[in-house]
Protein backbone atom coordinates (compact mmCIF):
# COMPACT_ATOMS: atom_id res chain seq x y z
CA MET A 1 103.63 -7.81 -175.25
CA ILE A 2 100.59 -6.46 -176.97
CA ILE A 3 101.03 -5.44 -180.62
CA LEU A 4 99.41 -2.21 -181.49
CA LYS A 5 97.77 -1.55 -184.90
CA ALA A 6 99.08 1.54 -186.38
CA GLU A 7 95.82 3.40 -186.52
CA ARG A 8 94.87 2.47 -182.93
CA LYS A 9 97.96 3.93 -181.09
CA ILE A 10 97.43 6.22 -178.05
CA PRO A 11 98.99 9.76 -178.43
CA GLY A 12 101.41 10.56 -175.76
CA ARG A 13 102.54 7.02 -175.27
CA PRO A 14 104.65 7.06 -172.19
CA ASN A 15 108.11 5.66 -172.48
CA TYR A 16 108.62 2.15 -170.90
CA LEU A 17 112.20 2.77 -170.05
CA LYS A 18 111.37 5.95 -168.10
CA SER A 19 108.91 3.75 -165.81
CA PHE A 20 111.46 1.00 -165.49
CA ILE A 21 114.20 3.44 -164.38
CA LEU A 22 111.53 4.96 -161.83
CA THR A 23 110.85 1.52 -160.55
CA ILE A 24 114.53 0.61 -159.93
CA THR A 25 115.17 3.93 -158.57
CA GLY A 26 112.31 3.72 -155.87
CA ILE A 27 113.32 0.13 -155.06
CA LEU A 28 117.07 1.52 -154.34
CA VAL A 29 116.13 4.65 -152.47
CA THR A 30 113.70 2.55 -150.28
CA ALA A 31 116.37 0.19 -149.59
CA LEU A 32 118.75 3.02 -148.64
CA GLY A 33 116.18 4.38 -146.52
CA ILE A 34 115.53 1.43 -144.53
CA GLY A 35 119.22 0.69 -144.17
CA ALA A 36 119.98 4.28 -143.01
CA ASN A 37 116.91 3.82 -140.39
CA SER A 38 115.54 7.13 -142.05
CA LEU A 39 111.61 6.91 -142.48
CA ALA A 40 111.57 10.03 -144.67
CA ILE A 41 113.89 8.47 -147.48
CA ALA A 42 112.00 5.09 -147.30
CA ILE A 43 108.65 6.96 -147.88
CA PHE A 44 110.10 8.98 -150.76
CA GLY A 45 111.79 5.85 -152.21
CA THR A 46 108.20 4.01 -151.97
CA ILE A 47 106.47 6.92 -153.75
CA VAL A 48 109.01 6.84 -156.67
CA LEU A 49 108.51 3.06 -156.98
CA VAL A 50 104.70 3.36 -157.00
CA MET A 51 104.88 6.21 -159.61
CA GLY A 52 107.11 3.99 -161.91
CA VAL A 53 104.78 0.82 -161.41
CA THR A 54 101.53 2.71 -161.86
CA THR A 55 102.48 4.49 -165.04
CA GLU A 56 103.32 1.19 -166.63
CA THR A 57 100.01 -0.49 -165.26
CA ILE A 58 97.81 2.22 -166.28
CA TYR A 59 99.29 2.46 -169.83
CA ARG A 60 99.14 -1.37 -170.32
CA THR A 61 95.45 -1.40 -169.06
CA MET A 62 94.55 1.53 -171.47
CA GLU A 63 96.44 -0.25 -174.25
CA TYR A 64 94.67 -3.45 -173.62
CA TYR A 65 91.00 -2.06 -173.56
CA LEU A 66 91.64 0.25 -176.56
CA CYS A 67 93.06 -2.49 -178.72
CA ASN A 68 90.61 -5.13 -177.81
CA THR A 69 87.31 -3.52 -177.84
CA THR A 70 85.22 -3.59 -181.05
CA GLN A 71 83.42 -0.45 -182.29
């Protein structure tokens, strides 16, 4: 876990819990779609899963670069 300095925090920081819930929901919906042999539900679940994972990844990348660059 990267510890942020107070003065370098990014405004509008996304909630980690939100991306975690999106990820778990995406996995469950995808599994439901595959189990029910429904391609549409599986694709929707995959999209939700990708949304959850990318939110987390993009934020962590921004956090890393903003906190580890010298100006």
